[in-house]
């Protein structure tokens, strides 16, 4: 009886949604922030570095929109900006110390034009995962 029930559920999901959406339930796509040791910086000296995000289980990382934010203790005098999958750090810190901050990235799924329906659709899934991930990073300024 359980086998018939499971088969019925899988059959309904398979016939209602496309196969790629069903696979997404099994191997979900979600954002990842790569681990990275950020280089040492010096007070009053130009600093430049970046971290990169990706999407797990999808080779088309560049098709997603990435939105970054920073919270915590970021070096005063430095700034950051996002460009595609990367978050860049630049500027000249005006105070030495060890600065630990949290980077959060959220992804938006790609949109495509549905020629049969005649409008744009986003690539939302039936199995919604967490589209946001955070990781702590540290910059030391001497």
C-alpha atoms as a PDB file:
ATOM      1  CA  UNK A   1       0.000   0.000   0.000  1.00  0.00           C
ATOM      2  CA  UNK A   2       2.839   2.408   0.845  1.00  0.00           C
ATOM      3  CA  UNK A   3       4.500   1.648  -2.483  1.00  0.00           C
ATOM      4  CA  UNK A   4       1.329   2.567  -4.380  1.00  0.00           C
ATOM      5  CA  UNK A   5       1.029   5.806  -2.407  1.00  0.00           C
ATOM      6  CA  UNK A   6       4.668   6.751  -3.092  1.00  0.00           C
ATOM      7  CA  UNK A   7       4.288   5.917  -6.767  1.00  0.00           C
ATOM      8  CA  UNK A   8       1.134   8.042  -6.937  1.00  0.00           C
ATOM      9  CA  UNK A   9       2.888  11.036  -5.383  1.00  0.00           C
ATOM     10  CA  UNK A  10       5.894  10.724  -7.706  1.00  0.00           C
ATOM     11  CA  UNK A  11       3.609  10.255 -10.714  1.00  0.00           C
ATOM     12  CA  UNK A  12       1.571  13.354  -9.841  1.00  0.00           C
ATOM     13  CA  UNK A  13       4.712  15.442  -9.345  1.00  0.00           C
ATOM     14  CA  UNK A  14       6.258  14.140 -12.548  1.00  0.00           C
ATOM     15  CA  UNK A  15       3.177  14.779 -14.678  1.00  0.00           C
ATOM     16  CA  UNK A  16       2.405  18.154 -13.100  1.00  0.00           C
ATOM     17  CA  UNK A  17       5.919  19.609 -13.222  1.00  0.00           C
ATOM     18  CA  UNK A  18       8.806  19.209 -15.611  1.00  0.00           C
ATOM     19  CA  UNK A  19      11.529  16.703 -14.925  1.00  0.00           C
ATOM     20  CA  UNK A  20      14.101  19.425 -14.226  1.00  0.00           C
ATOM     21  CA  UNK A  21      11.969  20.779 -11.391  1.00  0.00           C
ATOM     22  CA  UNK A  22      11.676  17.308  -9.882  1.00  0.00           C
ATOM     23  CA  UNK A  23      15.440  16.866 -10.103  1.00  0.00           C
ATOM     24  CA  UNK A  24      15.836  20.241  -8.402  1.00  0.00           C
ATOM     25  CA  UNK A  25      14.043  18.784  -5.376  1.00  0.00           C
ATOM     26  CA  UNK A  26      16.678  16.075  -5.158  1.00  0.00           C
ATOM     27  CA  UNK A  27      19.791  18.128  -6.000  1.00  0.00           C
ATOM     28  CA  UNK A  28      18.729  21.601  -4.980  1.00  0.00           C
ATOM     29  CA  UNK A  29      20.375  24.719  -6.312  1.00  0.00           C
ATOM     30  CA  UNK A  30      21.506  27.172  -3.689  1.00  0.00           C
ATOM     31  CA  UNK A  31      24.098  29.912  -3.342  1.00  0.00           C
ATOM     32  CA  UNK A  32      27.560  29.297  -1.942  1.00  0.00           C
ATOM     33  CA  UNK A  33      30.260  31.673  -0.775  1.00  0.00           C
ATOM     34  CA  UNK A  34      33.756  30.389  -1.351  1.00  0.00           C
ATOM     35  CA  UNK A  35      36.117  30.249   1.599  1.00  0.00           C
ATOM     36  CA  UNK A  36      39.021  32.620   1.218  1.00  0.00           C
ATOM     37  CA  UNK A  37      41.759  34.065   3.385  1.00  0.00           C
ATOM     38  CA  UNK A  38      41.781  37.778   2.662  1.00  0.00           C
ATOM     39  CA  UNK A  39      45.221  39.329   2.281  1.00  0.00           C
ATOM     40  CA  UNK A  40      46.872  41.508   4.900  1.00  0.00           C
ATOM     41  CA  UNK A  41      46.312  45.247   4.500  1.00  0.00           C
ATOM     42  CA  UNK A  42      48.228  48.269   5.760  1.00  0.00           C
ATOM     43  CA  UNK A  43      46.908  51.511   7.224  1.00  0.00           C
ATOM     44  CA  UNK A  44      46.706  54.266   4.623  1.00  0.00           C
ATOM     45  CA  UNK A  45      47.729  51.928   1.774  1.00  0.00           C
ATOM     46  CA  UNK A  46      45.426  50.967  -1.135  1.00  0.00           C
ATOM     47  CA  UNK A  47      43.774  47.583  -0.623  1.00  0.00           C
ATOM     48  CA  UNK A  48      42.059  45.449  -3.231  1.00  0.00           C
ATOM     49  CA  UNK A  49      40.588  41.958  -2.975  1.00  0.00           C
ATOM     50  CA  UNK A  50      37.381  40.050  -3.704  1.00  0.00           C
ATOM     51  CA  UNK A  51      35.299  37.037  -2.767  1.00  0.00           C
ATOM     52  CA  UNK A  52      33.206  35.030  -5.176  1.00  0.00           C
ATOM     53  CA  UNK A  53      29.803  33.388  -4.939  1.00  0.00           C
ATOM     54  CA  UNK A  54      28.508  30.465  -6.959  1.00  0.00           C
ATOM     55  CA  UNK A  55      25.383  28.354  -7.281  1.00  0.00           C
ATOM     56  CA  UNK A  56      25.615  24.760  -6.104  1.00  0.00           C
ATOM     57  CA  UNK A  57      24.406  22.126  -8.599  1.00  0.00           C
ATOM     58  CA  UNK A  58      24.153  24.490 -11.549  1.00  0.00           C
ATOM     59  CA  UNK A  59      26.936  25.050 -14.046  1.00  0.00           C
ATOM     60  CA  UNK A  60      25.243  28.237 -15.309  1.00  0.00           C
ATOM     61  CA  UNK A  61      26.253  30.361 -12.301  1.00  0.00           C
ATOM     62  CA  UNK A  62      26.502  33.497 -14.403  1.00  0.00           C
ATOM     63  CA  UNK A  63      22.786  33.373 -15.307  1.00  0.00           C
ATOM     64  CA  UNK A  64      21.745  34.236 -11.736  1.00  0.00           C
ATOM     65  CA  UNK A  65      21.526  37.677 -10.166  1.00  0.00           C
ATOM     66  CA  UNK A  66      23.603  38.038  -6.995  1.00  0.00           C
ATOM     67  CA  UNK A  67      22.864  40.533  -4.218  1.00  0.00           C
ATOM     68  CA  UNK A  68      25.491  41.014  -1.506  1.00  0.00           C
ATOM     69  CA  UNK A  69      25.392  42.710   1.872  1.00  0.00           C
ATOM     70  CA  UNK A  70      27.904  43.126   4.691  1.00  0.00           C
ATOM     71  CA  UNK A  71      27.285  43.339   8.410  1.00  0.00           C
ATOM     72  CA  UNK A  72      29.644  43.475  11.333  1.00  0.00           C
ATOM     73  CA  UNK A  73      33.072  45.016  11.741  1.00  0.00           C
ATOM     74  CA  UNK A  74      34.296  46.252   8.333  1.00  0.00           C
ATOM     75  CA  UNK A  75      37.573  48.257   8.166  1.00  0.00           C
ATOM     76  CA  UNK A  76      36.895  52.025   8.328  1.00  0.00           C
ATOM     77  CA  UNK A  77      38.045  53.822   5.198  1.00  0.00           C
ATOM     78  CA  UNK A  78      37.393  50.821   2.958  1.00  0.00           C
ATOM     79  CA  UNK A  79      34.427  50.250   0.672  1.00  0.00           C
ATOM     80  CA  UNK A  80      32.916  47.353  -1.216  1.00  0.00           C
ATOM     81  CA  UNK A  81      30.939  46.895  -4.398  1.00  0.00           C
ATOM     82  CA  UNK A  82      29.387  43.964  -6.207  1.00  0.00           C
ATOM     83  CA  UNK A  83      29.898  42.977  -9.789  1.00  0.00           C
ATOM     84  CA  UNK A  84      28.173  39.835 -11.043  1.00  0.00           C
ATOM     85  CA  UNK A  85      29.283  36.941  -8.816  1.00  0.00           C
ATOM     86  CA  UNK A  86      32.037  38.874  -7.046  1.00  0.00           C
ATOM     87  CA  UNK A  87      32.120  41.232  -4.084  1.00  0.00           C
ATOM     88  CA  UNK A  88      35.134  43.551  -4.310  1.00  0.00           C
ATOM     89  CA  UNK A  89      36.864  45.278  -1.394  1.00  0.00           C
ATOM     90  CA  UNK A  90      38.882  48.423  -2.019  1.00  0.00           C
ATOM     91  CA  UNK A  91      40.123  51.605  -0.437  1.00  0.00           C
ATOM     92  CA  UNK A  92      42.632  52.473   2.247  1.00  0.00           C
ATOM     93  CA  UNK A  93      41.828  51.515   5.818  1.00  0.00           C
ATOM     94  CA  UNK A  94      42.506  54.371   8.209  1.00  0.00           C
ATOM     95  CA  UNK A  95      42.755  52.264  11.360  1.00  0.00           C
ATOM     96  CA  UNK A  96      44.677  49.072  12.098  1.00  0.00           C
ATOM     97  CA  UNK A  97      43.101  45.995  13.616  1.00  0.00           C
ATOM     98  CA  UNK A  98      41.492  42.670  12.840  1.00  0.00           C
ATOM     99  CA  UNK A  99      38.062  43.069  11.282  1.00  0.00           C
ATOM    100  CA  UNK A 100      35.585  40.206  11.081  1.00  0.00           C
ATOM    101  CA  UNK A 101      32.401  40.764   9.120  1.00  0.00           C
ATOM    102  CA  UNK A 102      29.602  38.691   7.673  1.00  0.00           C
ATOM    103  CA  UNK A 103      28.933  38.591   3.936  1.00  0.00           C
ATOM    104  CA  UNK A 104      25.436  37.553   2.886  1.00  0.00           C
ATOM    105  CA  UNK A 105      24.507  36.713  -0.686  1.00  0.00           C
ATOM    106  CA  UNK A 106      21.021  36.170  -2.081  1.00  0.00           C
ATOM    107  CA  UNK A 107      20.358  34.854  -5.570  1.00  0.00           C
ATOM    108  CA  UNK A 108      17.532  35.570  -7.973  1.00  0.00           C
ATOM    109  CA  UNK A 109      16.742  32.858 -10.466  1.00  0.00           C
ATOM    110  CA  UNK A 110      17.130  33.433 -14.209  1.00  0.00           C
ATOM    111  CA  UNK A 111      14.197  34.538 -16.311  1.00  0.00           C
ATOM    112  CA  UNK A 112      13.388  33.201 -19.744  1.00  0.00           C
ATOM    113  CA  UNK A 113      10.909  34.095 -22.446  1.00  0.00           C
ATOM    114  CA  UNK A 114       8.153  31.490 -22.831  1.00  0.00           C
ATOM    115  CA  UNK A 115       7.356  31.655 -26.544  1.00  0.00           C
ATOM    116  CA  UNK A 116       4.260  29.462 -26.142  1.00  0.00           C
ATOM    117  CA  UNK A 117       2.763  31.718 -23.462  1.00  0.00           C
ATOM    118  CA  UNK A 118       4.193  34.970 -24.837  1.00  0.00           C
ATOM    119  CA  UNK A 119       5.661  36.355 -21.605  1.00  0.00           C
ATOM    120  CA  UNK A 120       8.701  36.262 -19.356  1.00  0.00           C
ATOM    121  CA  UNK A 121       8.858  33.641 -16.611  1.00  0.00           C
ATOM    122  CA  UNK A 122      11.318  33.177 -13.836  1.00  0.00           C
ATOM    123  CA  UNK A 123      12.909  29.819 -13.225  1.00  0.00           C
ATOM    124  CA  UNK A 124      11.244  29.234  -9.856  1.00  0.00           C
ATOM    125  CA  UNK A 125      11.159  25.758  -8.486  1.00  0.00           C
ATOM    126  CA  UNK A 126       8.620  23.554  -6.761  1.00  0.00           C
ATOM    127  CA  UNK A 127      11.091  22.743  -3.969  1.00  0.00           C
ATOM    128  CA  UNK A 128      12.113  26.090  -2.591  1.00  0.00           C
ATOM    129  CA  UNK A 129      15.420  26.019  -0.808  1.00  0.00           C
ATOM    130  CA  UNK A 130      17.253  28.755   0.953  1.00  0.00           C
ATOM    131  CA  UNK A 131      18.263  31.366  -1.622  1.00  0.00           C
ATOM    132  CA  UNK A 132      20.504  33.173   0.884  1.00  0.00           C
ATOM    133  CA  UNK A 133      23.769  32.138   2.488  1.00  0.00           C
ATOM    134  CA  UNK A 134      26.218  33.925   4.808  1.00  0.00           C
ATOM    135  CA  UNK A 135      29.855  33.457   5.717  1.00  0.00           C
ATOM    136  CA  UNK A 136      32.291  35.294   7.988  1.00  0.00           C
ATOM    137  CA  UNK A 137      35.495  36.777   6.603  1.00  0.00           C
ATOM    138  CA  UNK A 138      38.414  38.520   8.292  1.00  0.00           C
ATOM    139  CA  UNK A 139      40.734  41.290   7.105  1.00  0.00           C
ATOM    140  CA  UNK A 140      43.742  42.260   9.202  1.00  0.00           C
ATOM    141  CA  UNK A 141      45.057  45.802   8.807  1.00  0.00           C
ATOM    142  CA  UNK A 142      48.500  46.667  10.232  1.00  0.00           C
END
